[in-house]
């Protein structure tokens, strides 16, 4: 039952997963297959990249260090989430 005070429903996570139900729910209509795994991996990789504004801003200002910082951040994402060629 929900409390009248919305703050009562917010409990800080204490590391105890036993209160949570992580059972896969087939009734949600999502089948875990290669397509879903590919989409999740691609989305995670895409969201990890820094925003291009930082790179463009560095170009406009002529700031080589800012451009290099952006490039290094992109290379770190590529190392963490390598592009996978799916069959």
N, C-alpha and C. Protein backbone atom coordinates (compact mmCIF):
# COMPACT_ATOMS: atom_id res chain seq x y z
N UNK A 1 0.84 -1.17 0.00
CA UNK A 1 0.00 0.00 0.00
C UNK A 1 0.89 1.24 0.00
N UNK A 2 0.54 2.21 -0.78
CA UNK A 2 1.33 3.43 -0.87
C UNK A 2 0.98 4.37 0.26
N UNK A 3 2.00 5.03 0.75
CA UNK A 3 1.81 6.02 1.80
C UNK A 3 1.30 7.32 1.19
N UNK A 4 0.62 8.11 2.00
CA UNK A 4 0.15 9.42 1.54
C UNK A 4 1.33 10.35 1.31
N UNK A 5 2.41 10.13 2.03
CA UNK A 5 3.62 10.94 1.88
C UNK A 5 4.55 10.23 0.89
N UNK A 6 4.81 10.81 -0.29
CA UNK A 6 5.65 10.13 -1.28
C UNK A 6 7.06 9.86 -0.79
N UNK A 7 7.56 10.66 0.13
CA UNK A 7 8.92 10.44 0.64
C UNK A 7 9.03 9.15 1.45
N UNK A 8 7.92 8.67 1.99
CA UNK A 8 7.95 7.43 2.76
C UNK A 8 8.26 6.23 1.88
N UNK A 9 7.95 6.33 0.59
CA UNK A 9 8.19 5.22 -0.32
C UNK A 9 9.64 5.15 -0.77
N UNK A 10 10.41 6.20 -0.56
CA UNK A 10 11.80 6.23 -0.99
C UNK A 10 12.70 5.74 0.14
N UNK A 11 13.24 4.55 -0.05
CA UNK A 11 14.12 3.96 0.95
C UNK A 11 15.50 3.86 0.32
N UNK A 12 16.52 4.44 0.94
CA UNK A 12 17.87 4.34 0.36
C UNK A 12 18.30 2.88 0.23
N UNK A 13 18.94 2.55 -0.87
CA UNK A 13 19.40 1.18 -1.10
C UNK A 13 20.57 0.89 -0.17
N UNK A 14 20.46 -0.21 0.54
CA UNK A 14 21.49 -0.57 1.52
C UNK A 14 22.34 -1.76 1.08
N UNK A 15 22.20 -2.17 -0.17
CA UNK A 15 22.98 -3.28 -0.67
C UNK A 15 22.30 -4.63 -0.50
N UNK A 16 21.13 -4.67 0.09
CA UNK A 16 20.41 -5.91 0.32
C UNK A 16 19.44 -6.15 -0.84
N UNK A 17 19.80 -7.08 -1.71
CA UNK A 17 18.97 -7.37 -2.87
C UNK A 17 17.81 -8.30 -2.54
N UNK A 18 17.75 -8.84 -1.34
CA UNK A 18 16.73 -9.82 -1.02
C UNK A 18 15.32 -9.24 -1.07
N UNK A 19 15.18 -7.93 -0.95
CA UNK A 19 13.86 -7.31 -1.01
C UNK A 19 13.34 -7.16 -2.43
N UNK A 20 14.18 -7.45 -3.41
CA UNK A 20 13.81 -7.23 -4.79
C UNK A 20 13.59 -8.55 -5.52
N UNK A 21 12.66 -8.53 -6.45
CA UNK A 21 12.35 -9.70 -7.24
C UNK A 21 12.94 -9.53 -8.63
N UNK A 22 14.02 -10.28 -8.91
CA UNK A 22 14.69 -10.17 -10.19
C UNK A 22 14.33 -11.31 -11.13
N UNK A 23 13.20 -11.93 -10.90
CA UNK A 23 12.78 -13.03 -11.75
C UNK A 23 12.35 -12.49 -13.09
N UNK A 24 12.83 -13.13 -14.16
CA UNK A 24 12.44 -12.71 -15.51
C UNK A 24 10.95 -12.92 -15.69
N UNK A 25 10.28 -11.93 -16.23
CA UNK A 25 8.83 -11.98 -16.41
C UNK A 25 8.50 -12.20 -17.88
N UNK A 26 8.16 -13.41 -18.24
CA UNK A 26 7.81 -13.71 -19.61
C UNK A 26 6.57 -12.95 -20.05
N UNK A 27 5.66 -12.67 -19.11
CA UNK A 27 4.43 -11.99 -19.47
C UNK A 27 4.67 -10.56 -19.94
N UNK A 28 5.87 -10.04 -19.71
CA UNK A 28 6.19 -8.71 -20.22
C UNK A 28 6.33 -8.72 -21.74
N UNK A 29 6.45 -9.91 -22.30
CA UNK A 29 6.52 -10.03 -23.74
C UNK A 29 7.91 -9.87 -24.32
N UNK A 30 8.93 -9.81 -23.49
CA UNK A 30 10.30 -9.65 -23.97
C UNK A 30 11.01 -10.99 -23.90
N UNK A 31 11.44 -11.46 -25.03
CA UNK A 31 12.20 -12.70 -25.08
C UNK A 31 13.67 -12.32 -25.19
N UNK A 32 14.47 -12.86 -24.30
CA UNK A 32 15.90 -12.57 -24.34
C UNK A 32 16.52 -13.43 -25.44
N UNK A 33 16.90 -12.76 -26.51
CA UNK A 33 17.53 -13.46 -27.63
C UNK A 33 18.69 -12.60 -28.12
N UNK A 34 19.31 -13.02 -29.20
CA UNK A 34 20.49 -12.30 -29.70
C UNK A 34 20.14 -10.88 -30.10
N UNK A 35 18.97 -10.65 -30.66
CA UNK A 35 18.58 -9.30 -31.06
C UNK A 35 18.49 -8.36 -29.86
N UNK A 36 17.91 -8.83 -28.77
CA UNK A 36 17.79 -8.01 -27.56
C UNK A 36 19.16 -7.72 -26.97
N UNK A 37 20.03 -8.71 -26.94
CA UNK A 37 21.38 -8.53 -26.41
C UNK A 37 22.15 -7.53 -27.27
N UNK A 38 22.03 -7.64 -28.60
CA UNK A 38 22.70 -6.71 -29.51
C UNK A 38 22.22 -5.29 -29.27
N UNK A 39 20.92 -5.11 -29.14
CA UNK A 39 20.35 -3.77 -28.95
C UNK A 39 20.81 -3.19 -27.62
N UNK A 40 20.81 -4.01 -26.57
CA UNK A 40 21.23 -3.52 -25.26
C UNK A 40 22.70 -3.13 -25.27
N UNK A 41 23.54 -3.95 -25.90
CA UNK A 41 24.97 -3.65 -25.99
C UNK A 41 25.21 -2.37 -26.79
N UNK A 42 24.54 -2.25 -27.92
CA UNK A 42 24.70 -1.07 -28.77
C UNK A 42 24.22 0.20 -28.07
N UNK A 43 23.09 0.11 -27.38
CA UNK A 43 22.56 1.27 -26.65
C UNK A 43 23.50 1.69 -25.53
N UNK A 44 24.01 0.72 -24.79
CA UNK A 44 24.94 1.02 -23.69
C UNK A 44 26.19 1.69 -24.23
N UNK A 45 26.71 1.18 -25.34
CA UNK A 45 27.91 1.75 -25.96
C UNK A 45 27.65 3.18 -26.45
N UNK A 46 26.52 3.38 -27.10
CA UNK A 46 26.20 4.71 -27.64
C UNK A 46 26.02 5.74 -26.52
N UNK A 47 25.39 5.35 -25.43
CA UNK A 47 25.14 6.29 -24.32
C UNK A 47 26.41 6.63 -23.55
N UNK A 48 27.43 5.79 -23.67
CA UNK A 48 28.67 6.01 -22.93
C UNK A 48 29.57 7.08 -23.57
N UNK A 49 29.33 7.38 -24.84
CA UNK A 49 30.17 8.38 -25.52
C UNK A 49 29.92 9.78 -24.97
N UNK A 50 30.96 10.60 -24.91
CA UNK A 50 30.76 11.99 -24.48
C UNK A 50 30.01 12.76 -25.57
N UNK A 51 29.42 13.87 -25.18
CA UNK A 51 28.65 14.65 -26.15
C UNK A 51 29.60 15.31 -27.15
N UNK A 52 29.26 15.35 -28.43
CA UNK A 52 30.13 15.93 -29.45
C UNK A 52 30.36 17.43 -29.28
N UNK A 53 29.51 18.09 -28.52
CA UNK A 53 29.65 19.53 -28.30
C UNK A 53 31.05 19.87 -27.79
N UNK A 54 31.58 19.02 -26.91
CA UNK A 54 32.90 19.30 -26.34
C UNK A 54 33.99 19.32 -27.42
N UNK A 55 33.87 18.41 -28.38
CA UNK A 55 34.85 18.35 -29.46
C UNK A 55 34.72 19.57 -30.38
N UNK A 56 33.49 19.86 -30.77
CA UNK A 56 33.25 21.00 -31.66
C UNK A 56 33.67 22.30 -30.97
N UNK A 57 33.38 22.42 -29.70
CA UNK A 57 33.79 23.61 -28.95
C UNK A 57 35.31 23.75 -28.97
N UNK A 58 36.02 22.63 -28.82
CA UNK A 58 37.47 22.66 -28.87
C UNK A 58 37.99 23.08 -30.23
N UNK A 59 37.31 22.66 -31.29
CA UNK A 59 37.71 23.07 -32.65
C UNK A 59 37.51 24.57 -32.83
N UNK A 60 36.34 25.05 -32.42
CA UNK A 60 36.03 26.48 -32.59
C UNK A 60 37.02 27.33 -31.82
N UNK A 61 37.38 26.92 -30.62
CA UNK A 61 38.31 27.69 -29.79
C UNK A 61 39.77 27.44 -30.18
N UNK A 62 39.99 26.41 -31.01
CA UNK A 62 41.37 26.07 -31.35
C UNK A 62 42.11 25.42 -30.20
N UNK A 63 41.36 24.79 -29.29
CA UNK A 63 41.93 24.16 -28.09
C UNK A 63 42.26 22.70 -28.39
N UNK A 64 43.51 22.46 -28.72
CA UNK A 64 43.97 21.11 -29.08
C UNK A 64 43.82 20.16 -27.89
N UNK A 65 44.08 20.64 -26.68
CA UNK A 65 43.96 19.79 -25.49
C UNK A 65 42.52 19.32 -25.28
N UNK A 66 41.56 20.20 -25.50
CA UNK A 66 40.16 19.84 -25.35
C UNK A 66 39.76 18.81 -26.41
N UNK A 67 40.25 18.98 -27.62
CA UNK A 67 39.96 18.02 -28.68
C UNK A 67 40.56 16.65 -28.34
N UNK A 68 41.79 16.67 -27.86
CA UNK A 68 42.47 15.42 -27.51
C UNK A 68 41.77 14.73 -26.33
N UNK A 69 41.29 15.50 -25.38
CA UNK A 69 40.56 14.94 -24.24
C UNK A 69 39.29 14.22 -24.71
N UNK A 70 38.60 14.83 -25.65
CA UNK A 70 37.39 14.22 -26.23
C UNK A 70 37.75 12.91 -26.95
N UNK A 71 38.80 12.95 -27.73
CA UNK A 71 39.22 11.76 -28.48
C UNK A 71 39.59 10.63 -27.52
N UNK A 72 40.31 10.96 -26.46
CA UNK A 72 40.69 9.94 -25.48
C UNK A 72 39.47 9.36 -24.78
N UNK A 73 38.47 10.20 -24.49
CA UNK A 73 37.24 9.71 -23.87
C UNK A 73 36.52 8.75 -24.81
N UNK A 74 36.51 9.06 -26.11
CA UNK A 74 35.89 8.16 -27.09
C UNK A 74 36.65 6.84 -27.19
N UNK A 75 37.97 6.92 -27.18
CA UNK A 75 38.77 5.69 -27.24
C UNK A 75 38.56 4.82 -26.00
N UNK A 76 38.34 5.45 -24.85
CA UNK A 76 38.06 4.69 -23.63
C UNK A 76 36.73 3.94 -23.75
N UNK A 77 35.74 4.57 -24.37
CA UNK A 77 34.45 3.90 -24.59
C UNK A 77 34.64 2.73 -25.55
N UNK A 78 35.41 2.95 -26.61
CA UNK A 78 35.65 1.88 -27.57
C UNK A 78 36.37 0.70 -26.92
N UNK A 79 37.26 0.98 -25.97
CA UNK A 79 37.96 -0.10 -25.28
C UNK A 79 37.04 -0.83 -24.31
N UNK A 80 36.18 -0.08 -23.63
CA UNK A 80 35.28 -0.68 -22.64
C UNK A 80 34.16 -1.47 -23.31
N UNK A 81 33.62 -0.93 -24.41
CA UNK A 81 32.52 -1.56 -25.13
C UNK A 81 32.93 -1.77 -26.58
N UNK A 82 33.74 -2.77 -26.86
CA UNK A 82 34.18 -2.95 -28.25
C UNK A 82 33.01 -3.27 -29.17
N UNK A 83 33.13 -2.80 -30.41
CA UNK A 83 32.10 -3.08 -31.40
C UNK A 83 32.16 -4.57 -31.73
N UNK A 84 31.04 -5.22 -31.65
CA UNK A 84 30.98 -6.65 -31.90
C UNK A 84 30.26 -6.87 -33.22
N UNK A 85 30.85 -7.71 -34.04
CA UNK A 85 30.21 -8.09 -35.29
C UNK A 85 29.37 -9.33 -34.99
N UNK A 86 28.06 -9.14 -35.02
CA UNK A 86 27.14 -10.22 -34.69
C UNK A 86 26.86 -11.03 -35.93
N UNK A 87 26.72 -12.30 -35.75
CA UNK A 87 26.39 -13.19 -36.88
C UNK A 87 24.92 -13.15 -37.19
